[in-house]
Amino acid sequence: NIWIGLFAAVLSGGLLAWILAVLSIKYKTDQIIAGTVINIFATGITSF
């Protein structure tokens, strides 16, 4: 239903943010590059 869909959307954003946080904070990856990789991944996987 639409409310569970909204909750899942919020969780999906949090999951990608957790990946960005791990790359940027723990592994100290360049934050611009890490964000760009996530954008490319999101575009590819959602389109597929």
ModelCIF file with pLDDT and N, C-alpha, C, O atoms, coordinates in Angstrom:
data_MODEL
#
_entry.id   MODEL 
#
_entity.id                         1 
_entity.type                       polymer 
_entity.pdbx_number_of_molecules   1 
#
_entity_poly.entity_id                      1 
_entity_poly.type                           'polypeptide(L)' 
_entity_poly.nstd_linkage                   no 
_entity_poly.nstd_monomer                   no 
_entity_poly.pdbx_seq_one_letter_code       NIWIGLFAAVLSGGLLAWILAVLSIKYKTDQIIAGTVINIFATGITSF 
_entity_poly.pdbx_seq_one_letter_code_can   NIWIGLFAAVLSGGLLAWILAVLSIKYKTDQIIAGTVINIFATGITSF 
_entity_poly.pdbx_strand_id                 A 
#
loop_
_entity_poly_seq.entity_id 
_entity_poly_seq.num 
_entity_poly_seq.mon_id 
_entity_poly_seq.hetero 
1 1  ASN n 
1 2  ILE n 
1 3  TRP n 
1 4  ILE n 
1 5  GLY n 
1 6  LEU n 
1 7  PHE n 
1 8  ALA n 
1 9  ALA n 
1 10 VAL n 
1 11 LEU n 
1 12 SER n 
1 13 GLY n 
1 14 GLY n 
1 15 LEU n 
1 16 LEU n 
1 17 ALA n 
1 18 TRP n 
1 19 ILE n 
1 20 LEU n 
1 21 ALA n 
1 22 VAL n 
1 23 LEU n 
1 24 SER n 
1 25 ILE n 
1 26 LYS n 
1 27 TYR n 
1 28 LYS n 
1 29 THR n 
1 30 ASP n 
1 31 GLN n 
1 32 ILE n 
1 33 ILE n 
1 34 ALA n 
1 35 GLY n 
1 36 THR n 
1 37 VAL n 
1 38 ILE n 
1 39 ASN n 
1 40 ILE n 
1 41 PHE n 
1 42 ALA n 
1 43 THR n 
1 44 GLY n 
1 45 ILE n 
1 46 THR n 
1 47 SER n 
1 48 PHE n 
#
_struct_asym.id          A 
_struct_asym.entity_id   1 
#
loop_
_ma_qa_metric.id 
_ma_qa_metric.mode 
_ma_qa_metric.name 
_ma_qa_metric.software_group_id 
_ma_qa_metric.type 
1 global pLDDT . pLDDT 
2 local  pLDDT . pLDDT 
#
_ma_qa_metric_global.metric_id      1 
_ma_qa_metric_global.metric_value   96.90 
_ma_qa_metric_global.model_id       1 
_ma_qa_metric_global.ordinal_id     1 
#
loop_
_ma_qa_metric_local.label_asym_id 
_ma_qa_metric_local.label_comp_id 
_ma_qa_metric_local.label_seq_id 
_ma_qa_metric_local.metric_id 
_ma_qa_metric_local.metric_value 
_ma_qa_metric_local.model_id 
_ma_qa_metric_local.ordinal_id 
A ASN 1  2 95.00 1 1  
A ILE 2  2 97.00 1 2  
A TRP 3  2 97.00 1 3  
A ILE 4  2 98.00 1 4  
A GLY 5  2 97.00 1 5  
A LEU 6  2 98.00 1 6  
A PHE 7  2 98.00 1 7  
A ALA 8  2 98.00 1 8  
A ALA 9  2 98.00 1 9  
A VAL 10 2 98.00 1 10 
A LEU 11 2 98.00 1 11 
A SER 12 2 98.00 1 12 
A GLY 13 2 98.00 1 13 
A GLY 14 2 98.00 1 14 
A LEU 15 2 98.00 1 15 
A LEU 16 2 98.00 1 16 
A ALA 17 2 98.00 1 17 
A TRP 18 2 98.00 1 18 
A ILE 19 2 98.00 1 19 
A LEU 20 2 97.00 1 20 
A ALA 21 2 97.00 1 21 
A VAL 22 2 97.00 1 22 
A LEU 23 2 96.00 1 23 
A SER 24 2 96.00 1 24 
A ILE 25 2 96.00 1 25 
A LYS 26 2 94.00 1 26 
A TYR 27 2 95.00 1 27 
A LYS 28 2 94.00 1 28 
A THR 29 2 94.00 1 29 
A ASP 30 2 95.00 1 30 
A GLN 31 2 96.00 1 31 
A ILE 32 2 96.00 1 32 
A ILE 33 2 96.00 1 33 
A ALA 34 2 97.00 1 34 
A GLY 35 2 97.00 1 35 
A THR 36 2 97.00 1 36 
A VAL 37 2 97.00 1 37 
A ILE 38 2 98.00 1 38 
A ASN 39 2 98.00 1 39 
A ILE 40 2 97.00 1 40 
A PHE 41 2 97.00 1 41 
A ALA 42 2 97.00 1 42 
A THR 43 2 97.00 1 43 
A GLY 44 2 97.00 1 44 
A ILE 45 2 97.00 1 45 
A THR 46 2 97.00 1 46 
A SER 47 2 96.00 1 47 
A PHE 48 2 97.00 1 48 
#
loop_
_atom_site.group_PDB 
_atom_site.id 
_atom_site.type_symbol 
_atom_site.label_atom_id 
_atom_site.label_alt_id 
_atom_site.label_comp_id 
_atom_site.label_asym_id 
_atom_site.label_entity_id 
_atom_site.label_seq_id 
_atom_site.pdbx_PDB_ins_code 
_atom_site.Cartn_x 
_atom_site.Cartn_y 
_atom_site.Cartn_z 
_atom_site.occupancy 
_atom_site.B_iso_or_equiv 
_atom_site.pdbx_formal_charge 
_atom_site.auth_seq_id 
_atom_site.auth_comp_id 
_atom_site.auth_asym_id 
_atom_site.auth_atom_id 
_atom_site.pdbx_PDB_model_num 
ATOM 1   N N  . ASN A 1 1  ? 0.848  -1.185 0.000   1.00 95.00 ? 1  ASN A N  1 
ATOM 2   C CA . ASN A 1 1  ? 0.000  0.000  0.000   1.00 95.00 ? 1  ASN A CA 1 
ATOM 3   C C  . ASN A 1 1  ? 0.884  1.236  0.000   1.00 95.00 ? 1  ASN A C  1 
ATOM 4   O O  . ASN A 1 1  ? 2.102  1.141  0.156   1.00 95.00 ? 1  ASN A O  1 
ATOM 5   N N  . ILE A 1 2  ? 0.272  2.383  -0.174  1.00 97.00 ? 2  ILE A N  1 
ATOM 6   C CA . ILE A 1 2  ? 1.023  3.606  -0.423  1.00 97.00 ? 2  ILE A CA 1 
ATOM 7   C C  . ILE A 1 2  ? 1.856  4.028  0.787   1.00 97.00 ? 2  ILE A C  1 
ATOM 8   O O  . ILE A 1 2  ? 2.933  4.602  0.622   1.00 97.00 ? 2  ILE A O  1 
ATOM 9   N N  . TRP A 1 3  ? 1.372  3.753  1.999   1.00 97.00 ? 3  TRP A N  1 
ATOM 10  C CA . TRP A 1 3  ? 2.115  4.142  3.198   1.00 97.00 ? 3  TRP A CA 1 
ATOM 11  C C  . TRP A 1 3  ? 3.361  3.279  3.383   1.00 97.00 ? 3  TRP A C  1 
ATOM 12  O O  . TRP A 1 3  ? 4.418  3.787  3.757   1.00 97.00 ? 3  TRP A O  1 
ATOM 13  N N  . ILE A 1 4  ? 3.240  1.992  3.126   1.00 98.00 ? 4  ILE A N  1 
ATOM 14  C CA . ILE A 1 4  ? 4.413  1.112  3.198   1.00 98.00 ? 4  ILE A CA 1 
ATOM 15  C C  . ILE A 1 4  ? 5.404  1.489  2.103   1.00 98.00 ? 4  ILE A C  1 
ATOM 16  O O  . ILE A 1 4  ? 6.616  1.428  2.308   1.00 98.00 ? 4  ILE A O  1 
ATOM 17  N N  . GLY A 1 5  ? 4.883  1.882  0.930   1.00 97.00 ? 5  GLY A N  1 
ATOM 18  C CA . GLY A 1 5  ? 5.767  2.347  -0.137  1.00 97.00 ? 5  GLY A CA 1 
ATOM 19  C C  . GLY A 1 5  ? 6.557  3.570  0.276   1.00 97.00 ? 5  GLY A C  1 
ATOM 20  O O  . GLY A 1 5  ? 7.747  3.674  -0.021  1.00 97.00 ? 5  GLY A O  1 
ATOM 21  N N  . LEU A 1 6  ? 5.901  4.501  0.962   1.00 98.00 ? 6  LEU A N  1 
ATOM 22  C CA . LEU A 1 6  ? 6.593  5.698  1.448   1.00 98.00 ? 6  LEU A CA 1 
ATOM 23  C C  . LEU A 1 6  ? 7.663  5.325  2.462   1.00 98.00 ? 6  LEU A C  1 
ATOM 24  O O  . LEU A 1 6  ? 8.775  5.852  2.418   1.00 98.00 ? 6  LEU A O  1 
ATOM 25  N N  . PHE A 1 7  ? 7.333  4.421  3.375   1.00 98.00 ? 7  PHE A N  1 
ATOM 26  C CA . PHE A 1 7  ? 8.296  3.981  4.385   1.00 98.00 ? 7  PHE A CA 1 
ATOM 27  C C  . PHE A 1 7  ? 9.495  3.313  3.719   1.00 98.00 ? 7  PHE A C  1 
ATOM 28  O O  . PHE A 1 7  ? 10.636 3.548  4.119   1.00 98.00 ? 7  PHE A O  1 
ATOM 29  N N  . ALA A 1 8  ? 9.246  2.479  2.703   1.00 98.00 ? 8  ALA A N  1 
ATOM 30  C CA . ALA A 1 8  ? 10.335 1.811  1.999   1.00 98.00 ? 8  ALA A CA 1 
ATOM 31  C C  . ALA A 1 8  ? 11.215 2.813  1.253   1.00 98.00 ? 8  ALA A C  1 
ATOM 32  O O  . ALA A 1 8  ? 12.433 2.648  1.191   1.00 98.00 ? 8  ALA A O  1 
ATOM 33  N N  . ALA A 1 9  ? 10.600 3.851  0.687   1.00 98.00 ? 9  ALA A N  1 
ATOM 34  C CA . ALA A 1 9  ? 11.374 4.885  -0.010  1.00 98.00 ? 9  ALA A CA 1 
ATOM 35  C C  . ALA A 1 9  ? 12.315 5.594  0.952   1.00 98.00 ? 9  ALA A C  1 
ATOM 36  O O  . ALA A 1 9  ? 13.469 5.860  0.617   1.00 98.00 ? 9  ALA A O  1 
ATOM 37  N N  . VAL A 1 10 ? 11.822 5.899  2.144   1.00 98.00 ? 10 VAL A N  1 
ATOM 38  C CA . VAL A 1 10 ? 12.653 6.555  3.158   1.00 98.00 ? 10 VAL A CA 1 
ATOM 39  C C  . VAL A 1 10 ? 13.817 5.651  3.552   1.00 98.00 ? 10 VAL A C  1 
ATOM 40  O O  . VAL A 1 10 ? 14.949 6.117  3.688   1.00 98.00 ? 10 VAL A O  1 
ATOM 41  N N  . LEU A 1 11 ? 13.542 4.361  3.737   1.00 98.00 ? 11 LEU A N  1 
ATOM 42  C CA . LEU A 1 11 ? 14.603 3.420  4.101   1.00 98.00 ? 11 LEU A CA 1 
ATOM 43  C C  . LEU A 1 11 ? 15.640 3.280  2.992   1.00 98.00 ? 11 LEU A C  1 
ATOM 44  O O  . LEU A 1 11 ? 16.834 3.168  3.271   1.00 98.00 ? 11 LEU A O  1 
ATOM 45  N N  . SER A 1 12 ? 15.193 3.287  1.733   1.00 98.00 ? 12 SER A N  1 
ATOM 46  C CA . SER A 1 12 ? 16.143 3.140  0.617   1.00 98.00 ? 12 SER A CA 1 
ATOM 47  C C  . SER A 1 12 ? 17.098 4.326  0.560   1.00 98.00 ? 12 SER A C  1 
ATOM 48  O O  . SER A 1 12 ? 18.290 4.157  0.302   1.00 98.00 ? 12 SER A O  1 
ATOM 49  N N  . GLY A 1 13 ? 16.567 5.540  0.803   1.00 98.00 ? 13 GLY A N  1 
ATOM 50  C CA . GLY A 1 13 ? 17.447 6.704  0.861   1.00 98.00 ? 13 GLY A CA 1 
ATOM 51  C C  . GLY A 1 13 ? 18.429 6.604  2.007   1.00 98.00 ? 13 GLY A C  1 
ATOM 52  O O  . GLY A 1 13 ? 19.599 6.960  1.862   1.00 98.00 ? 13 GLY A O  1 
ATOM 53  N N  . GLY A 1 14 ? 17.954 6.112  3.165   1.00 98.00 ? 14 GLY A N  1 
ATOM 54  C CA . GLY A 1 14 ? 18.846 5.934  4.306   1.00 98.00 ? 14 GLY A CA 1 
ATOM 55  C C  . GLY A 1 14 ? 19.918 4.904  4.048   1.00 98.00 ? 14 GLY A C  1 
ATOM 56  O O  . GLY A 1 14 ? 21.048 5.057  4.513   1.00 98.00 ? 14 GLY A O  1 
ATOM 57  N N  . LEU A 1 15 ? 19.584 3.838  3.302   1.00 98.00 ? 15 LEU A N  1 
ATOM 58  C CA . LEU A 1 15 ? 20.571 2.804  2.983   1.00 98.00 ? 15 LEU A CA 1 
ATOM 59  C C  . LEU A 1 15 ? 21.696 3.357  2.109   1.00 98.00 ? 15 LEU A C  1 
ATOM 60  O O  . LEU A 1 15 ? 22.872 3.117  2.380   1.00 98.00 ? 15 LEU A O  1 
ATOM 61  N N  . LEU A 1 16 ? 21.329 4.099  1.058   1.00 98.00 ? 16 LEU A N  1 
ATOM 62  C CA . LEU A 1 16 ? 22.358 4.698  0.208   1.00 98.00 ? 16 LEU A CA 1 
ATOM 63  C C  . LEU A 1 16 ? 23.183 5.717  0.986   1.00 98.00 ? 16 LEU A C  1 
ATOM 64  O O  . LEU A 1 16 ? 24.386 5.849  0.762   1.00 98.00 ? 16 LEU A O  1 
ATOM 65  N N  . ALA A 1 17 ? 22.534 6.438  1.900   1.00 98.00 ? 17 ALA A N  1 
ATOM 66  C CA . ALA A 1 17 ? 23.265 7.403  2.719   1.00 98.00 ? 17 ALA A CA 1 
ATOM 67  C C  . ALA A 1 17 ? 24.240 6.686  3.651   1.00 98.00 ? 17 ALA A C  1 
ATOM 68  O O  . ALA A 1 17 ? 25.339 7.180  3.900   1.00 98.00 ? 17 ALA A O  1 
ATOM 69  N N  . TRP A 1 18 ? 23.840 5.525  4.164   1.00 98.00 ? 18 TRP A N  1 
ATOM 70  C CA . TRP A 1 18 ? 24.748 4.745  5.010   1.00 98.00 ? 18 TRP A CA 1 
ATOM 71  C C  . TRP A 1 18 ? 25.979 4.319  4.215   1.00 98.00 ? 18 TRP A C  1 
ATOM 72  O O  . TRP A 1 18 ? 27.098 4.355  4.726   1.00 98.00 ? 18 TRP A O  1 
ATOM 73  N N  . ILE A 1 19 ? 25.770 3.918  2.972   1.00 98.00 ? 19 ILE A N  1 
ATOM 74  C CA . ILE A 1 19 ? 26.912 3.549  2.120   1.00 98.00 ? 19 ILE A CA 1 
ATOM 75  C C  . ILE A 1 19 ? 27.827 4.760  1.923   1.00 98.00 ? 19 ILE A C  1 
ATOM 76  O O  . ILE A 1 19 ? 29.048 4.643  2.021   1.00 98.00 ? 19 ILE A O  1 
ATOM 77  N N  . LEU A 1 20 ? 27.232 5.916  1.646   1.00 97.00 ? 20 LEU A N  1 
ATOM 78  C CA . LEU A 1 20 ? 28.026 7.130  1.489   1.00 97.00 ? 20 LEU A CA 1 
ATOM 79  C C  . LEU A 1 20 ? 28.781 7.456  2.770   1.00 97.00 ? 20 LEU A C  1 
ATOM 80  O O  . LEU A 1 20 ? 29.943 7.859  2.724   1.00 97.00 ? 20 LEU A O  1 
ATOM 81  N N  . ALA A 1 21 ? 28.125 7.281  3.912   1.00 97.00 ? 21 ALA A N  1 
ATOM 82  C CA . ALA A 1 21 ? 28.766 7.579  5.191   1.00 97.00 ? 21 ALA A CA 1 
ATOM 83  C C  . ALA A 1 21 ? 29.943 6.641  5.455   1.00 97.00 ? 21 ALA A C  1 
ATOM 84  O O  . ALA A 1 21 ? 30.997 7.079  5.915   1.00 97.00 ? 21 ALA A O  1 
ATOM 85  N N  . VAL A 1 22 ? 29.766 5.366  5.167   1.00 97.00 ? 22 VAL A N  1 
ATOM 86  C CA . VAL A 1 22 ? 30.860 4.408  5.375   1.00 97.00 ? 22 VAL A CA 1 
ATOM 87  C C  . VAL A 1 22 ? 32.052 4.758  4.481   1.00 97.00 ? 22 VAL A C  1 
ATOM 88  O O  . VAL A 1 22 ? 33.195 4.779  4.937   1.00 97.00 ? 22 VAL A O  1 
ATOM 89  N N  . LEU A 1 23 ? 31.775 5.028  3.220   1.00 96.00 ? 23 LEU A N  1 
ATOM 90  C CA . LEU A 1 23 ? 32.857 5.362  2.299   1.00 96.00 ? 23 LEU A CA 1 
ATOM 91  C C  . LEU A 1 23 ? 33.559 6.661  2.700   1.00 96.00 ? 23 LEU A C  1 
ATOM 92  O O  . LEU A 1 23 ? 34.783 6.762  2.619   1.00 96.00 ? 23 LEU A O  1 
ATOM 93  N N  . SER A 1 24 ? 32.780 7.646  3.131   1.00 96.00 ? 24 SER A N  1 
ATOM 94  C CA . SER A 1 24 ? 33.339 8.969  3.393   1.00 96.00 ? 24 SER A CA 1 
ATOM 95  C C  . SER A 1 24 ? 33.953 9.095  4.780   1.00 96.00 ? 24 SER A C  1 
ATOM 96  O O  . SER A 1 24 ? 34.993 9.732  4.948   1.00 96.00 ? 24 SER A O  1 
ATOM 97  N N  . ILE A 1 25 ? 33.308 8.487  5.772   1.00 96.00 ? 25 ILE A N  1 
ATOM 98  C CA . ILE A 1 25 ? 33.736 8.667  7.158   1.00 96.00 ? 25 ILE A CA 1 
ATOM 99  C C  . ILE A 1 25 ? 34.712 7.579  7.595   1.00 96.00 ? 25 ILE A C  1 
ATOM 100 O O  . ILE A 1 25 ? 35.756 7.878  8.176   1.00 96.00 ? 25 ILE A O  1 
ATOM 101 N N  . LYS A 1 26 ? 34.379 6.325  7.318   1.00 94.00 ? 26 LYS A N  1 
ATOM 102 C CA . LYS A 1 26 ? 35.239 5.236  7.764   1.00 94.00 ? 26 LYS A CA 1 
ATOM 103 C C  . LYS A 1 26 ? 36.448 5.057  6.857   1.00 94.00 ? 26 LYS A C  1 
ATOM 104 O O  . LYS A 1 26 ? 37.580 4.976  7.332   1.00 94.00 ? 26 LYS A O  1 
ATOM 105 N N  . TYR A 1 27 ? 36.202 4.993  5.536   1.00 95.00 ? 27 TYR A N  1 
ATOM 106 C CA . TYR A 1 27 ? 37.303 4.733  4.602   1.00 95.00 ? 27 TYR A CA 1 
ATOM 107 C C  . TYR A 1 27 ? 37.890 6.015  4.006   1.00 95.00 ? 27 TYR A C  1 
ATOM 108 O O  . TYR A 1 27 ? 38.865 5.965  3.256   1.00 95.00 ? 27 TYR A O  1 
ATOM 109 N N  . LYS A 1 28 ? 37.293 7.162  4.340   1.00 94.00 ? 28 LYS A N  1 
ATOM 110 C CA . LYS A 1 28 ? 37.820 8.476  3.945   1.00 94.00 ? 28 LYS A CA 1 
ATOM 111 C C  . LYS A 1 28 ? 37.994 8.607  2.433   1.00 94.00 ? 28 LYS A C  1 
ATOM 112 O O  . LYS A 1 28 ? 38.940 9.228  1.950   1.00 94.00 ? 28 LYS A O  1 
ATOM 113 N N  . THR A 1 29 ? 37.055 8.004  1.698   1.00 94.00 ? 29 THR A N  1 
ATOM 114 C CA . THR A 1 29 ? 37.022 8.158  0.247   1.00 94.00 ? 29 THR A CA 1 
ATOM 115 C C  . THR A 1 29 ? 36.650 9.598  -0.097  1.00 94.00 ? 29 THR A C  1 
ATOM 116 O O  . THR A 1 29 ? 35.916 10.253 0.644   1.00 94.00 ? 29 THR A O  1 
ATOM 117 N N  . ASP A 1 30 ? 37.155 10.076 -1.212  1.00 95.00 ? 30 ASP A N  1 
ATOM 118 C CA . ASP A 1 30 ? 36.764 11.410 -1.658  1.00 95.00 ? 30 ASP A CA 1 
ATOM 119 C C  . ASP A 1 30 ? 35.239 11.473 -1.757  1.00 95.00 ? 30 ASP A C  1 
ATOM 120 O O  . ASP A 1 30 ? 34.619 10.666 -2.450  1.00 95.00 ? 30 ASP A O  1 
ATOM 121 N N  . GLN A 1 31 ? 34.649 12.432 -1.061  1.00 96.00 ? 31 GLN A N  1 
ATOM 122 C CA . GLN A 1 31 ? 33.190 12.466 -0.925  1.00 96.00 ? 31 GLN A CA 1 
ATOM 123 C C  . GLN A 1 31 ? 32.487 12.780 -2.242  1.00 96.00 ? 31 GLN A C  1 
ATOM 124 O O  . GLN A 1 31 ? 31.385 12.286 -2.484  1.00 96.00 ? 31 GLN A O  1 
ATOM 125 N N  . ILE A 1 32 ? 33.100 13.584 -3.086  1.00 96.00 ? 32 ILE A N  1 
ATOM 126 C CA . ILE A 1 32 ? 32.505 13.884 -4.388  1.00 96.00 ? 32 ILE A CA 1 
ATOM 127 C C  . ILE A 1 32 ? 32.475 12.627 -5.258  1.00 96.00 ? 32 ILE A C  1 
ATOM 128 O O  . ILE A 1 32 ? 31.473 12.339 -5.913  1.00 96.00 ? 32 ILE A O  1 
ATOM 129 N N  . ILE A 1 33 ? 33.582 11.885 -5.256  1.00 96.00 ? 33 ILE A N  1 
ATOM 130 C CA . ILE A 1 33 ? 33.648 10.656 -6.056  1.00 96.00 ? 33 ILE A CA 1 
ATOM 131 C C  . ILE A 1 33 ? 32.656 9.625  -5.525  1.00 96.00 ? 33 ILE A C  1 
ATOM 132 O O  . ILE A 1 33 ? 31.955 8.977  -6.303  1.00 96.00 ? 33 ILE A O  1 
ATOM 133 N N  . ALA A 1 34 ? 32.595 9.470  -4.194  1.00 97.00 ? 34 ALA A N  1 
ATOM 134 C CA . ALA A 1 34 ? 31.660 8.504  -3.607  1.00 97.00 ? 34 ALA A CA 1 
ATOM 135 C C  . ALA A 1 34 ? 30.218 8.846  -3.973  1.00 97.00 ? 34 ALA A C  1 
ATOM 136 O O  . ALA A 1 34 ? 29.435 7.961  -4.318  1.00 97.00 ? 34 ALA A O  1 
ATOM 137 N N  . GLY A 1 35 ? 29.869 10.127 -3.898  1.00 97.00 ? 35 GLY A N  1 
ATOM 138 C CA . GLY A 1 35 ? 28.519 10.541 -4.261  1.00 97.00 ? 35 GLY A CA 1 
ATOM 139 C C  . GLY A 1 35 ? 28.220 10.329 -5.728  1.00 97.00 ? 35 GLY A C  1 
ATOM 140 O O  . GLY A 1 35 ? 27.113 9.933  -6.090  1.00 97.00 ? 35 GLY A O  1 
ATOM 141 N N  . THR A 1 36 ? 29.207 10.592 -6.579  1.00 97.00 ? 36 THR A N  1 
ATOM 142 C CA . THR A 1 36 ? 29.022 10.395 -8.018  1.00 97.00 ? 36 THR A CA 1 
ATOM 143 C C  . THR A 1 36 ? 28.796 8.919  -8.343  1.00 97.00 ? 36 THR A C  1 
ATOM 144 O O  . THR A 1 36 ? 27.953 8.583  -9.174  1.00 97.00 ? 36 THR A O  1 
ATOM 145 N N  . VAL A 1 37 ? 29.553 8.043  -7.684  1.00 97.00 ? 37 VAL A N  1 
ATOM 146 C CA . VAL A 1 37 ? 29.387 6.599  -7.899  1.00 97.00 ? 37 VAL A CA 1 
ATOM 147 C C  . VAL A 1 37 ? 27.978 6.156  -7.507  1.00 97.00 ? 37 VAL A C  1 
ATOM 148 O O  . VAL A 1 37 ? 27.353 5.368  -8.217  1.00 97.00 ? 37 VAL A O  1 
ATOM 149 N N  . ILE A 1 38 ? 27.482 6.659  -6.385  1.00 98.00 ? 38 ILE A N  1 
ATOM 150 C CA . ILE A 1 38 ? 26.131 6.301  -5.944  1.00 98.00 ? 38 ILE A CA 1 
ATOM 151 C C  . ILE A 1 38 ? 25.084 6.800  -6.942  1.00 98.00 ? 38 ILE A C  1 
ATOM 152 O O  . ILE A 1 38 ? 24.111 6.101  -7.222  1.00 98.00 ? 38 ILE A O  1 
ATOM 153 N N  . ASN A 1 39 ? 25.279 7.999  -7.474  1.00 98.00 ? 39 ASN A N  1 
ATOM 154 C CA . ASN A 1 39 ? 24.347 8.519  -8.486  1.00 98.00 ? 39 ASN A CA 1 
ATOM 155 C C  . ASN A 1 39 ? 24.319 7.637  -9.723  1.00 98.00 ? 39 ASN A C  1 
ATOM 156 O O  . ASN A 1 39 ? 23.249 7.319  -10.243 1.00 98.00 ? 39 ASN A O  1 
ATOM 157 N N  . ILE A 1 40 ? 25.501 7.242  -10.195 1.00 97.00 ? 40 ILE A N  1 
ATOM 158 C CA . ILE A 1 40 ? 25.573 6.384  -11.389 1.00 97.00 ? 40 ILE A CA 1 
ATOM 159 C C  . ILE A 1 40 ? 24.920 5.037  -11.111 1.00 97.00 ? 40 ILE A C  1 
ATOM 160 O O  . ILE A 1 40 ? 24.170 4.518  -11.938 1.00 97.00 ? 40 ILE A O  1 
ATOM 161 N N  . PHE A 1 41 ? 25.210 4.476  -9.941  1.00 97.00 ? 41 PHE A N  1 
ATOM 162 C CA . PHE A 1 41 ? 24.616 3.190  -9.579  1.00 97.00 ? 41 PHE A CA 1 
ATOM 163 C C  . PHE A 1 41 ? 23.090 3.290  -9.518  1.00 97.00 ? 41 PHE A C  1 
ATOM 164 O O  . PHE A 1 41 ? 22.386 2.429  -10.046 1.00 97.00 ? 41 PHE A O  1 
ATOM 165 N N  . ALA A 1 42 ? 22.581 4.349  -8.868  1.00 97.00 ? 42 ALA A N  1 
ATOM 166 C CA . ALA A 1 42 ? 21.128 4.507  -8.734  1.00 97.00 ? 42 ALA A CA 1 
ATOM 167 C C  . ALA A 1 42 ? 20.458 4.665  -10.093 1.00 97.00 ? 42 ALA A C  1 
ATOM 168 O O  . ALA A 1 42 ? 19.400 4.088  -10.340 1.00 97.00 ? 42 ALA A O  1 
ATOM 169 N N  . THR A 1 43 ? 21.079 5.450  -10.973 1.00 97.00 ? 43 THR A N  1 
ATOM 170 C CA . THR A 1 43 ? 20.504 5.636  -12.310 1.00 97.00 ? 43 THR A CA 1 
ATOM 171 C C  . THR A 1 43 ? 20.463 4.321  -13.073 1.00 97.00 ? 43 THR A C  1 
ATOM 172 O O  . THR A 1 43 ? 19.460 3.999  -13.710 1.00 97.00 ? 43 THR A O  1 
ATOM 173 N N  . GLY A 1 44 ? 21.557 3.556  -13.009 1.00 97.00 ? 44 GLY A N  1 
ATOM 174 C CA . GLY A 1 44 ? 21.627 2.295  -13.745 1.00 97.00 ? 44 GLY A CA 1 
ATOM 175 C C  . GLY A 1 44 ? 20.672 1.249  -13.217 1.00 97.00 ? 44 GLY A C  1 
ATOM 176 O O  . GLY A 1 44 ? 19.956 0.616  -13.993 1.00 97.00 ? 44 GLY A O  1 
ATOM 177 N N  . ILE A 1 45 ? 20.650 1.056  -11.897 1.00 97.00 ? 45 ILE A N  1 
ATOM 178 C CA . ILE A 1 45 ? 19.837 -0.024 -11.334 1.00 97.00 ? 45 ILE A CA 1 
ATOM 179 C C  . ILE A 1 45 ? 18.344 0.274  -11.459 1.00 97.00 ? 45 ILE A C  1 
ATOM 180 O O  . ILE A 1 45 ? 17.559 -0.637 -11.721 1.00 97.00 ? 45 ILE A O  1 
ATOM 181 N N  . THR A 1 46 ? 17.941 1.524  -11.279 1.00 97.00 ? 46 THR A N  1 
ATOM 182 C CA . THR A 1 46 ? 16.515 1.845  -11.397 1.00 97.00 ? 46 THR A CA 1 
ATOM 183 C C  . THR A 1 46 ? 16.049 1.752  -12.850 1.00 97.00 ? 46 THR A C  1 
ATOM 184 O O  . THR A 1 46 ? 14.930 1.312  -13.115 1.00 97.00 ? 46 THR A O  1 
ATOM 185 N N  . SER A 1 47 ? 16.899 2.164  -13.790 1.00 96.00 ? 47 SER A N  1 
ATOM 186 C CA . SER A 1 47 ? 16.526 2.068  -15.205 1.00 96.00 ? 47 SER A CA 1 
ATOM 187 C C  . SER A 1 47 ? 16.419 0.612  -15.628 1.00 96.00 ? 47 SER A C  1 
ATOM 188 O O  . SER A 1 47 ? 15.493 0.237  -16.347 1.00 96.00 ? 47 SER A O  1 
ATOM 189 N N  . PHE A 1 48 ? 17.373 -0.215 -15.178 1.00 97.00 ? 48 PHE A N  1 
ATOM 190 C CA . PHE A 1 48 ? 17.348 -1.644 -15.534 1.00 97.00 ? 48 PHE A CA 1 
ATOM 191 C C  . PHE A 1 48 ? 16.106 -2.330 -14.967 1.00 97.00 ? 48 PHE A C  1 
ATOM 192 O O  . PHE A 1 48 ? 15.918 -3.530 -15.167 1.00 97.00 ? 48 PHE A O  1 
#
